[in-house]
Structure formats: structure tokens, C-alpha cells
């Protein structure tokens, strides 16, 4: 079973690239972030013709997440619990072929310090609390998405380049590490323990041709999912296409 995460950076703008990638990579599950559209305008019919069922938690103009799956999925959670006043569409969870899968678009947190950074840290605390409940279910769970956290210095081309960014602050990294200490496995890190693998290249300053990237797209696996882990990788070539997202797909393969 191949499960991928892909911050598409606008479904309407990237739909041709998304369809090309789905046809080539053929993931069983694709977790999308930043679809940037309301649920009613998501291209459900087009994706159904491509062989995928869709669950969508959209938002006008920004944010928004979706789960595409070859087999029908049963939605289990829409929106991250813990704050009834939070209206941002950043979390969607479903049961697919016996695996619990969540698509996550964690807040960026910039500028920091400030209310946006406070929201990021509060959101991460809520995620950890909800994830603990998922661990307690004793099943294979995959938390996939754009975490907007660069976990380690070797997860970026130059640690000094973004030292003041919310993605690299000690508080952001500590919250991410806390998830791992609870029992989640960073799948890509498991296959690339010395880092040097990027999932994002900015549109600015020639980041892509210079390979000035960093890793913020992660798939965290529960112990039962980690026991089934066969491989993990990044579809880097997708970033070099015309009108590409600034992120690339990241994926894991789980043994049946």
C-alpha cells in the first residue's frame, strides 16, 4: 500500500500536474494540502475519472486538505479537535483498507514571535493530544502532510538561511520531537538518517536550480504502520515541471 503526501499549492492551478503525477506514481492514497478552494469546487469528477475517490475539507482561497484513495474511504475526523473556535481547514482523517490516514496542513507560524506563532504551537499541542488517542487504538496509522517544521539542521541546505523562521524555532522542533518520542516514526528519516533530502524549494532566489531546499513534508507512522514500512521516498522530479508546486510528493510503501 503506497501512501503519499503532496502540498499541491492550489488545486486549480496545479490540476494537470496532479493528474500527471497520479497516473505515473499511482499511489493508493494521496493526502493533499493547500487545495485553496471550497469543497464544492474541488475537481471530484475529474479525479474520479482518474481512478480516485475524494474526501475534501476545503476553504476559500487558502488552506484546505483532501484525501484521494483508490478504495472508498470512511471519514473519521474533520478538523483537528481541541478548539471549537478554529475554523481553518487543516486536518482530515479517514479509514482506508484498515489503515487510519490523516492529511495535515500545520500552520506556518510566521512572523514569530506573535499570534501566528502562538497558534502554530497551540495547534501542534492539539495534534499531539489527538495523535495520542490514535496511538491508543493499536492500529496502523499514518499522519501525512506539510508540517511546516524543519526538524534538524541537516534537513535544510543552509541552517543559517532560515534561523529566524518559525519553521526552525526551538519550540517548533521540540513540539515535533515530542510527537516522535510518543511513539511515531518519521518514515523518510528512517531511510535517510543523515538528512540531505528536501521536499520544498521556494519560488524565489533560484532555489530550485540551486537545490536550496528543505524538508517540511513528513509521514509519521504508528508502531504497527512502522512494522509494515518497506520504503519511503521523494518524487523530486515533479518540482522541475512547468507550473509545479513548490513542494514535491513524499511517500511510503507499507507491506500488506
C-alpha atoms as a PDB file:
ATOM      1  CA  UNK A   1       0.000   0.000   0.000  1.00  0.00           C
ATOM      2  CA  UNK A   2       1.558   3.293  -1.095  1.00  0.00           C
ATOM      3  CA  UNK A   3       0.536   6.424   0.805  1.00  0.00           C
ATOM      4  CA  UNK A   4       1.739   9.834  -0.338  1.00  0.00           C
ATOM      5  CA  UNK A   5       1.525  13.411   0.855  1.00  0.00           C
ATOM      6  CA  UNK A   6       1.601  16.350  -1.550  1.00  0.00           C
ATOM      7  CA  UNK A   7       1.138  20.049  -0.827  1.00  0.00           C
ATOM      8  CA  UNK A   8      -0.352  20.922  -4.188  1.00  0.00           C
ATOM      9  CA  UNK A   9      -0.332  24.723  -3.623  1.00  0.00           C
ATOM     10  CA  UNK A  10      -3.670  25.316  -5.332  1.00  0.00           C
ATOM     11  CA  UNK A  11      -5.642  22.535  -6.984  1.00  0.00           C
ATOM     12  CA  UNK A  12      -6.993  24.680  -9.820  1.00  0.00           C
ATOM     13  CA  UNK A  13      -3.527  25.934 -10.736  1.00  0.00           C
ATOM     14  CA  UNK A  14      -1.845  22.511 -10.472  1.00  0.00           C
ATOM     15  CA  UNK A  15      -4.536  20.071 -11.610  1.00  0.00           C
ATOM     16  CA  UNK A  16      -2.664  18.997 -14.786  1.00  0.00           C
ATOM     17  CA  UNK A  17       0.474  18.333 -12.727  1.00  0.00           C
ATOM     18  CA  UNK A  18      -1.559  16.426 -10.121  1.00  0.00           C
ATOM     19  CA  UNK A  19      -3.188  14.218 -12.750  1.00  0.00           C
ATOM     20  CA  UNK A  20       0.184  13.505 -14.379  1.00  0.00           C
ATOM     21  CA  UNK A  21       1.713  12.514 -11.069  1.00  0.00           C
ATOM     22  CA  UNK A  22      -1.239  10.296 -10.101  1.00  0.00           C
ATOM     23  CA  UNK A  23      -1.062   8.499 -13.461  1.00  0.00           C
ATOM     24  CA  UNK A  24       2.676   7.926 -13.131  1.00  0.00           C
ATOM     25  CA  UNK A  25       3.092   7.211  -9.411  1.00  0.00           C
ATOM     26  CA  UNK A  26      -0.303   5.524  -8.862  1.00  0.00           C
ATOM     27  CA  UNK A  27      -0.422   5.916  -5.072  1.00  0.00           C
ATOM     28  CA  UNK A  28      -3.160   4.033  -3.276  1.00  0.00           C
ATOM     29  CA  UNK A  29      -3.736   7.096  -1.083  1.00  0.00           C
ATOM     30  CA  UNK A  30      -2.747  10.705  -1.774  1.00  0.00           C
ATOM     31  CA  UNK A  31      -3.030  13.255   1.046  1.00  0.00           C
ATOM     32  CA  UNK A  32      -3.227  16.788  -0.347  1.00  0.00           C
ATOM     33  CA  UNK A  33      -2.701  20.122   1.382  1.00  0.00           C
ATOM     34  CA  UNK A  34      -3.297  23.738   0.370  1.00  0.00           C
ATOM     35  CA  UNK A  35      -6.014  22.871  -2.112  1.00  0.00           C
ATOM     36  CA  UNK A  36      -7.107  26.532  -1.782  1.00  0.00           C
ATOM     37  CA  UNK A  37     -10.735  26.004  -2.743  1.00  0.00           C
ATOM     38  CA  UNK A  38     -14.072  25.326  -1.112  1.00  0.00           C
ATOM     39  CA  UNK A  39     -15.110  21.677  -1.056  1.00  0.00           C
ATOM     40  CA  UNK A  40     -17.852  22.209  -3.645  1.00  0.00           C
ATOM     41  CA  UNK A  41     -15.328  23.426  -6.234  1.00  0.00           C
ATOM     42  CA  UNK A  42     -12.843  20.607  -5.782  1.00  0.00           C
ATOM     43  CA  UNK A  43     -12.476  18.574  -9.035  1.00  0.00           C
ATOM     44  CA  UNK A  44     -14.113  15.432  -7.675  1.00  0.00           C
ATOM     45  CA  UNK A  45     -15.453  14.189 -11.027  1.00  0.00           C
ATOM     46  CA  UNK A  46     -12.129  14.667 -12.809  1.00  0.00           C
ATOM     47  CA  UNK A  47     -10.310  12.760 -10.092  1.00  0.00           C
ATOM     48  CA  UNK A  48     -12.946  10.038 -10.079  1.00  0.00           C
ATOM     49  CA  UNK A  49     -12.293   9.560 -13.791  1.00  0.00           C
ATOM     50  CA  UNK A  50      -8.607   9.230 -12.875  1.00  0.00           C
ATOM     51  CA  UNK A  51      -9.499   6.397 -10.504  1.00  0.00           C
ATOM     52  CA  UNK A  52      -9.736   8.141  -7.133  1.00  0.00           C
ATOM     53  CA  UNK A  53     -12.407   8.639  -4.502  1.00  0.00           C
ATOM     54  CA  UNK A  54     -12.237  12.039  -2.770  1.00  0.00           C
ATOM     55  CA  UNK A  55     -12.766  13.329   0.739  1.00  0.00           C
ATOM     56  CA  UNK A  56     -12.426  17.107   0.916  1.00  0.00           C
ATOM     57  CA  UNK A  57     -12.218  19.678   3.706  1.00  0.00           C
ATOM     58  CA  UNK A  58     -11.898  22.903   1.753  1.00  0.00           C
ATOM     59  CA  UNK A  59     -11.620  26.602   2.493  1.00  0.00           C
ATOM     60  CA  UNK A  60     -11.995  29.582   0.211  1.00  0.00           C
ATOM     61  CA  UNK A  61      -8.740  30.973  -1.103  1.00  0.00           C
ATOM     62  CA  UNK A  62      -6.251  29.251   1.180  1.00  0.00           C
ATOM     63  CA  UNK A  63      -5.606  26.184   3.354  1.00  0.00           C
ATOM     64  CA  UNK A  64      -7.804  23.149   2.617  1.00  0.00           C
ATOM     65  CA  UNK A  65      -6.949  19.458   2.668  1.00  0.00           C
ATOM     66  CA  UNK A  66      -8.138  16.360   0.822  1.00  0.00           C
ATOM     67  CA  UNK A  67      -7.663  12.602   0.763  1.00  0.00           C
ATOM     68  CA  UNK A  68      -7.694  10.750  -2.550  1.00  0.00           C
ATOM     69  CA  UNK A  69      -7.941   6.961  -2.446  1.00  0.00           C
ATOM     70  CA  UNK A  70      -8.312   4.106  -4.893  1.00  0.00           C
ATOM     71  CA  UNK A  71     -10.556   2.263  -2.456  1.00  0.00           C
ATOM     72  CA  UNK A  72     -13.501   4.046  -0.819  1.00  0.00           C
ATOM     73  CA  UNK A  73     -12.547   5.805   2.414  1.00  0.00           C
ATOM     74  CA  UNK A  74     -14.600   6.305   5.561  1.00  0.00           C
ATOM     75  CA  UNK A  75     -14.143   9.746   7.080  1.00  0.00           C
ATOM     76  CA  UNK A  76     -13.338   9.584  10.801  1.00  0.00           C
ATOM     77  CA  UNK A  77     -12.401  13.174  11.715  1.00  0.00           C
ATOM     78  CA  UNK A  78     -12.911  16.546  10.040  1.00  0.00           C
ATOM     79  CA  UNK A  79     -10.931  19.346  11.633  1.00  0.00           C
ATOM     80  CA  UNK A  80      -8.465  18.945  14.492  1.00  0.00           C
ATOM     81  CA  UNK A  81     -10.188  18.581  17.876  1.00  0.00           C
ATOM     82  CA  UNK A  82      -9.411  20.802  20.824  1.00  0.00           C
ATOM     83  CA  UNK A  83     -10.536  24.279  19.735  1.00  0.00           C
ATOM     84  CA  UNK A  84     -14.134  24.801  18.629  1.00  0.00           C
ATOM     85  CA  UNK A  85     -13.295  28.354  17.522  1.00  0.00           C
ATOM     86  CA  UNK A  86     -10.697  27.214  14.982  1.00  0.00           C
ATOM     87  CA  UNK A  87     -12.323  27.444  11.541  1.00  0.00           C
ATOM     88  CA  UNK A  88      -9.218  26.819   9.430  1.00  0.00           C
ATOM     89  CA  UNK A  89      -9.345  23.702   7.234  1.00  0.00           C
ATOM     90  CA  UNK A  90      -6.114  21.950   8.111  1.00  0.00           C
ATOM     91  CA  UNK A  91      -6.950  18.375   9.176  1.00  0.00           C
ATOM     92  CA  UNK A  92      -8.883  15.469   7.670  1.00  0.00           C
ATOM     93  CA  UNK A  93      -8.756  11.815   8.701  1.00  0.00           C
ATOM     94  CA  UNK A  94     -10.152   8.607   7.235  1.00  0.00           C
ATOM     95  CA  UNK A  95     -10.081   4.823   7.428  1.00  0.00           C
ATOM     96  CA  UNK A  96      -8.812   3.208   4.218  1.00  0.00           C
ATOM     97  CA  UNK A  97      -8.284  -0.535   3.819  1.00  0.00           C
ATOM     98  CA  UNK A  98      -7.741  -0.952   7.545  1.00  0.00           C
ATOM     99  CA  UNK A  99      -5.247   1.940   7.852  1.00  0.00           C
ATOM    100  CA  UNK A 100      -6.112   5.223   9.562  1.00  0.00           C
ATOM    101  CA  UNK A 101      -4.731   8.081   7.431  1.00  0.00           C
ATOM    102  CA  UNK A 102      -4.692  11.798   8.199  1.00  0.00           C
ATOM    103  CA  UNK A 103      -3.799  14.692   5.921  1.00  0.00           C
ATOM    104  CA  UNK A 104      -2.271  17.612   7.821  1.00  0.00           C
ATOM    105  CA  UNK A 105      -1.515  21.217   6.913  1.00  0.00           C
ATOM    106  CA  UNK A 106       0.179  22.539  10.008  1.00  0.00           C
ATOM    107  CA  UNK A 107       0.266  26.335  10.458  1.00  0.00           C
ATOM    108  CA  UNK A 108       3.335  28.171   9.170  1.00  0.00           C
ATOM    109  CA  UNK A 109       3.677  30.379  12.239  1.00  0.00           C
ATOM    110  CA  UNK A 110       5.362  33.397  10.691  1.00  0.00           C
ATOM    111  CA  UNK A 111       6.033  36.060  11.687  1.00  0.00           C
ATOM    112  CA  UNK A 112       7.435  34.994  15.019  1.00  0.00           C
ATOM    113  CA  UNK A 113       7.102  35.853  17.786  1.00  0.00           C
ATOM    114  CA  UNK A 114       3.446  36.780  17.612  1.00  0.00           C
ATOM    115  CA  UNK A 115      -0.103  35.392  17.453  1.00  0.00           C
ATOM    116  CA  UNK A 116       0.553  33.288  14.348  1.00  0.00           C
ATOM    117  CA  UNK A 117       3.440  31.523  16.063  1.00  0.00           C
ATOM    118  CA  UNK A 118       1.338  31.033  19.198  1.00  0.00           C
ATOM    119  CA  UNK A 119      -1.389  29.485  17.019  1.00  0.00           C
ATOM    120  CA  UNK A 120       1.157  27.140  15.444  1.00  0.00           C
ATOM    121  CA  UNK A 121       2.388  25.872  18.821  1.00  0.00           C
ATOM    122  CA  UNK A 122      -1.154  25.501  20.161  1.00  0.00           C
ATOM    123  CA  UNK A 123      -2.116  23.587  17.019  1.00  0.00           C
ATOM    124  CA  UNK A 124       0.835  21.255  17.474  1.00  0.00           C
ATOM    125  CA  UNK A 125      -0.191  20.608  21.084  1.00  0.00           C
ATOM    126  CA  UNK A 126      -3.695  19.735  19.895  1.00  0.00           C
ATOM    127  CA  UNK A 127      -2.236  17.444  17.235  1.00  0.00           C
ATOM    128  CA  UNK A 128      -0.127  15.634  19.808  1.00  0.00           C
ATOM    129  CA  UNK A 129      -3.149  15.109  22.059  1.00  0.00           C
ATOM    130  CA  UNK A 130      -5.265  13.746  19.209  1.00  0.00           C
ATOM    131  CA  UNK A 131      -2.380  11.610  17.931  1.00  0.00           C
ATOM    132  CA  UNK A 132      -2.023  10.028  21.370  1.00  0.00           C
ATOM    133  CA  UNK A 133      -5.598   8.839  21.094  1.00  0.00           C
ATOM    134  CA  UNK A 134      -4.861   7.347  17.684  1.00  0.00           C
ATOM    135  CA  UNK A 135      -1.849   5.504  19.104  1.00  0.00           C
ATOM    136  CA  UNK A 136      -4.120   4.074  21.771  1.00  0.00           C
ATOM    137  CA  UNK A 137      -6.267   2.440  19.081  1.00  0.00           C
ATOM    138  CA  UNK A 138      -3.493  -0.066  18.391  1.00  0.00           C
ATOM    139  CA  UNK A 139      -3.755   0.048  14.602  1.00  0.00           C
ATOM    140  CA  UNK A 140      -1.709   1.184  11.630  1.00  0.00           C
ATOM    141  CA  UNK A 141      -1.920   4.982  11.451  1.00  0.00           C
ATOM    142  CA  UNK A 142      -0.195   7.410   9.071  1.00  0.00           C
ATOM    143  CA  UNK A 143      -0.108  11.144   9.813  1.00  0.00           C
ATOM    144  CA  UNK A 144       0.873  12.656   6.470  1.00  0.00           C
ATOM    145  CA  UNK A 145       1.290  16.250   5.488  1.00  0.00           C
ATOM    146  CA  UNK A 146       3.036  19.586   5.406  1.00  0.00           C
ATOM    147  CA  UNK A 147       4.158  20.053   9.000  1.00  0.00           C
ATOM    148  CA  UNK A 148       5.902  23.382   8.381  1.00  0.00           C
ATOM    149  CA  UNK A 149       8.723  22.193  10.640  1.00  0.00           C
ATOM    150  CA  UNK A 150      12.345  21.643   9.597  1.00  0.00           C
ATOM    151  CA  UNK A 151      13.236  19.063  12.263  1.00  0.00           C
ATOM    152  CA  UNK A 152      17.045  19.140  12.091  1.00  0.00           C
ATOM    153  CA  UNK A 153      19.855  21.294  10.747  1.00  0.00           C
ATOM    154  CA  UNK A 154      20.614  18.637   8.120  1.00  0.00           C
ATOM    155  CA  UNK A 155      17.051  18.967   6.807  1.00  0.00           C
ATOM    156  CA  UNK A 156      17.892  22.286   5.118  1.00  0.00           C
ATOM    157  CA  UNK A 157      20.527  23.355   2.636  1.00  0.00           C
ATOM    158  CA  UNK A 158      21.774  26.099   4.983  1.00  0.00           C
ATOM    159  CA  UNK A 159      20.722  26.227   8.652  1.00  0.00           C
ATOM    160  CA  UNK A 160      21.667  29.893   8.894  1.00  0.00           C
ATOM    161  CA  UNK A 161      19.471  30.863   5.932  1.00  0.00           C
ATOM    162  CA  UNK A 162      16.247  30.488   7.950  1.00  0.00           C
ATOM    163  CA  UNK A 163      17.483  30.632  11.517  1.00  0.00           C
ATOM    164  CA  UNK A 164      14.833  33.206  12.461  1.00  0.00           C
ATOM    165  CA  UNK A 165      11.969  31.478  10.651  1.00  0.00           C
ATOM    166  CA  UNK A 166       9.101  29.851  12.568  1.00  0.00           C
ATOM    167  CA  UNK A 167       9.853  26.554  10.800  1.00  0.00           C
ATOM    168  CA  UNK A 168      13.190  26.266  12.612  1.00  0.00           C
ATOM    169  CA  UNK A 169      12.493  27.696  16.058  1.00  0.00           C
ATOM    170  CA  UNK A 170      13.416  25.541  19.076  1.00  0.00           C
ATOM    171  CA  UNK A 171       9.764  25.471  20.151  1.00  0.00           C
ATOM    172  CA  UNK A 172       8.628  24.141  16.750  1.00  0.00           C
ATOM    173  CA  UNK A 173      11.319  21.480  16.725  1.00  0.00           C
ATOM    174  CA  UNK A 174      10.616  20.484  20.300  1.00  0.00           C
ATOM    175  CA  UNK A 175       6.917  20.011  19.536  1.00  0.00           C
ATOM    176  CA  UNK A 176       7.817  17.815  16.553  1.00  0.00           C
ATOM    177  CA  UNK A 177      10.276  15.766  18.625  1.00  0.00           C
ATOM    178  CA  UNK A 178       7.608  15.290  21.280  1.00  0.00           C
ATOM    179  CA  UNK A 179       5.467  13.532  18.682  1.00  0.00           C
ATOM    180  CA  UNK A 180       8.329  11.200  17.828  1.00  0.00           C
ATOM    181  CA  UNK A 181       9.004  10.465  21.490  1.00  0.00           C
ATOM    182  CA  UNK A 182       5.349   9.475  21.910  1.00  0.00           C
ATOM    183  CA  UNK A 183       5.986   6.593  19.523  1.00  0.00           C
ATOM    184  CA  UNK A 184       5.682   7.939  15.972  1.00  0.00           C
ATOM    185  CA  UNK A 185       8.289   7.081  13.320  1.00  0.00           C
ATOM    186  CA  UNK A 186       9.473   9.722  10.842  1.00  0.00           C
ATOM    187  CA  UNK A 187       9.382   7.437   7.783  1.00  0.00           C
ATOM    188  CA  UNK A 188      11.615   9.444   5.465  1.00  0.00           C
ATOM    189  CA  UNK A 189      14.178   9.995   8.209  1.00  0.00           C
ATOM    190  CA  UNK A 190      14.262   6.250   8.838  1.00  0.00           C
ATOM    191  CA  UNK A 191      15.613   5.752   5.302  1.00  0.00           C
ATOM    192  CA  UNK A 192      17.775   8.894   5.245  1.00  0.00           C
ATOM    193  CA  UNK A 193      19.212   9.172   8.775  1.00  0.00           C
ATOM    194  CA  UNK A 194      21.864  11.754   7.827  1.00  0.00           C
ATOM    195  CA  UNK A 195      19.400  14.140   6.161  1.00  0.00           C
ATOM    196  CA  UNK A 196      20.103  15.971   2.939  1.00  0.00           C
ATOM    197  CA  UNK A 197      16.692  15.180   1.427  1.00  0.00           C
ATOM    198  CA  UNK A 198      14.445  18.124   0.538  1.00  0.00           C
ATOM    199  CA  UNK A 199      10.693  18.290  -0.073  1.00  0.00           C
ATOM    200  CA  UNK A 200      10.313  22.052  -0.702  1.00  0.00           C
ATOM    201  CA  UNK A 201      12.092  24.606  -2.884  1.00  0.00           C
ATOM    202  CA  UNK A 202      10.938  28.231  -2.788  1.00  0.00           C
ATOM    203  CA  UNK A 203       9.930  30.014  -5.985  1.00  0.00           C
ATOM    204  CA  UNK A 204      12.278  32.878  -5.061  1.00  0.00           C
ATOM    205  CA  UNK A 205      16.036  33.410  -5.458  1.00  0.00           C
ATOM    206  CA  UNK A 206      16.599  30.489  -7.807  1.00  0.00           C
ATOM    207  CA  UNK A 207      16.085  27.952  -5.012  1.00  0.00           C
ATOM    208  CA  UNK A 208      15.189  25.059  -7.317  1.00  0.00           C
ATOM    209  CA  UNK A 209      18.120  25.247  -9.794  1.00  0.00           C
ATOM    210  CA  UNK A 210      20.493  25.842  -6.878  1.00  0.00           C
ATOM    211  CA  UNK A 211      18.950  22.950  -4.909  1.00  0.00           C
ATOM    212  CA  UNK A 212      18.400  25.289  -1.963  1.00  0.00           C
ATOM    213  CA  UNK A 213      15.627  23.261  -0.384  1.00  0.00           C
ATOM    214  CA  UNK A 214      14.494  21.869   2.921  1.00  0.00           C
ATOM    215  CA  UNK A 215      12.315  19.106   4.382  1.00  0.00           C
ATOM    216  CA  UNK A 216       8.950  20.030   5.876  1.00  0.00           C
ATOM    217  CA  UNK A 217       6.658  17.329   4.424  1.00  0.00           C
ATOM    218  CA  UNK A 218       6.566  14.302   6.693  1.00  0.00           C
ATOM    219  CA  UNK A 219       4.808  10.979   7.154  1.00  0.00           C
ATOM    220  CA  UNK A 220       4.663   9.853  10.777  1.00  0.00           C
ATOM    221  CA  UNK A 221       3.851   6.191  11.342  1.00  0.00           C
ATOM    222  CA  UNK A 222       2.365   4.468  14.373  1.00  0.00           C
ATOM    223  CA  UNK A 223       4.272   1.369  15.591  1.00  0.00           C
ATOM    224  CA  UNK A 224       2.021  -1.022  13.658  1.00  0.00           C
ATOM    225  CA  UNK A 225       2.436   1.032  10.490  1.00  0.00           C
ATOM    226  CA  UNK A 226       6.190   1.285  11.039  1.00  0.00           C
ATOM    227  CA  UNK A 227       6.365  -2.500  11.328  1.00  0.00           C
ATOM    228  CA  UNK A 228       4.944  -2.667   7.790  1.00  0.00           C
ATOM    229  CA  UNK A 229       7.254   0.002   6.333  1.00  0.00           C
ATOM    230  CA  UNK A 230       9.023  -1.200   3.181  1.00  0.00           C
ATOM    231  CA  UNK A 231      10.359   2.023   1.678  1.00  0.00           C
ATOM    232  CA  UNK A 232       9.985   5.797   1.697  1.00  0.00           C
ATOM    233  CA  UNK A 233      10.958   8.369  -0.874  1.00  0.00           C
ATOM    234  CA  UNK A 234      10.527  11.738  -2.570  1.00  0.00           C
ATOM    235  CA  UNK A 235       9.367  12.323  -6.156  1.00  0.00           C
ATOM    236  CA  UNK A 236      11.847  15.154  -6.685  1.00  0.00           C
ATOM    237  CA  UNK A 237      11.446  15.401 -10.464  1.00  0.00           C
ATOM    238  CA  UNK A 238       7.907  16.762 -10.022  1.00  0.00           C
ATOM    239  CA  UNK A 239       9.364  20.086  -8.828  1.00  0.00           C
ATOM    240  CA  UNK A 240      11.090  20.657 -12.179  1.00  0.00           C
ATOM    241  CA  UNK A 241       7.887  20.618 -14.213  1.00  0.00           C
ATOM    242  CA  UNK A 242       6.225  23.695 -15.657  1.00  0.00           C
ATOM    243  CA  UNK A 243       3.916  25.454 -13.185  1.00  0.00           C
ATOM    244  CA  UNK A 244       4.885  22.998 -10.462  1.00  0.00           C
ATOM    245  CA  UNK A 245       4.035  23.271  -6.784  1.00  0.00           C
ATOM    246  CA  UNK A 246       6.900  24.420  -4.576  1.00  0.00           C
ATOM    247  CA  UNK A 247       6.525  21.087  -2.723  1.00  0.00           C
ATOM    248  CA  UNK A 248       7.026  17.565  -4.064  1.00  0.00           C
ATOM    249  CA  UNK A 249       5.214  14.327  -3.223  1.00  0.00           C
ATOM    250  CA  UNK A 250       6.641  12.271  -0.367  1.00  0.00           C
ATOM    251  CA  UNK A 251       5.534   8.662   0.013  1.00  0.00           C
ATOM    252  CA  UNK A 252       5.781   5.427   1.960  1.00  0.00           C
ATOM    253  CA  UNK A 253       5.061   1.850   0.977  1.00  0.00           C
ATOM    254  CA  UNK A 254       3.527  -0.388   3.629  1.00  0.00           C
ATOM    255  CA  UNK A 255       3.586  -4.168   3.419  1.00  0.00           C
ATOM    256  CA  UNK A 256       0.117  -5.696   3.085  1.00  0.00           C
END
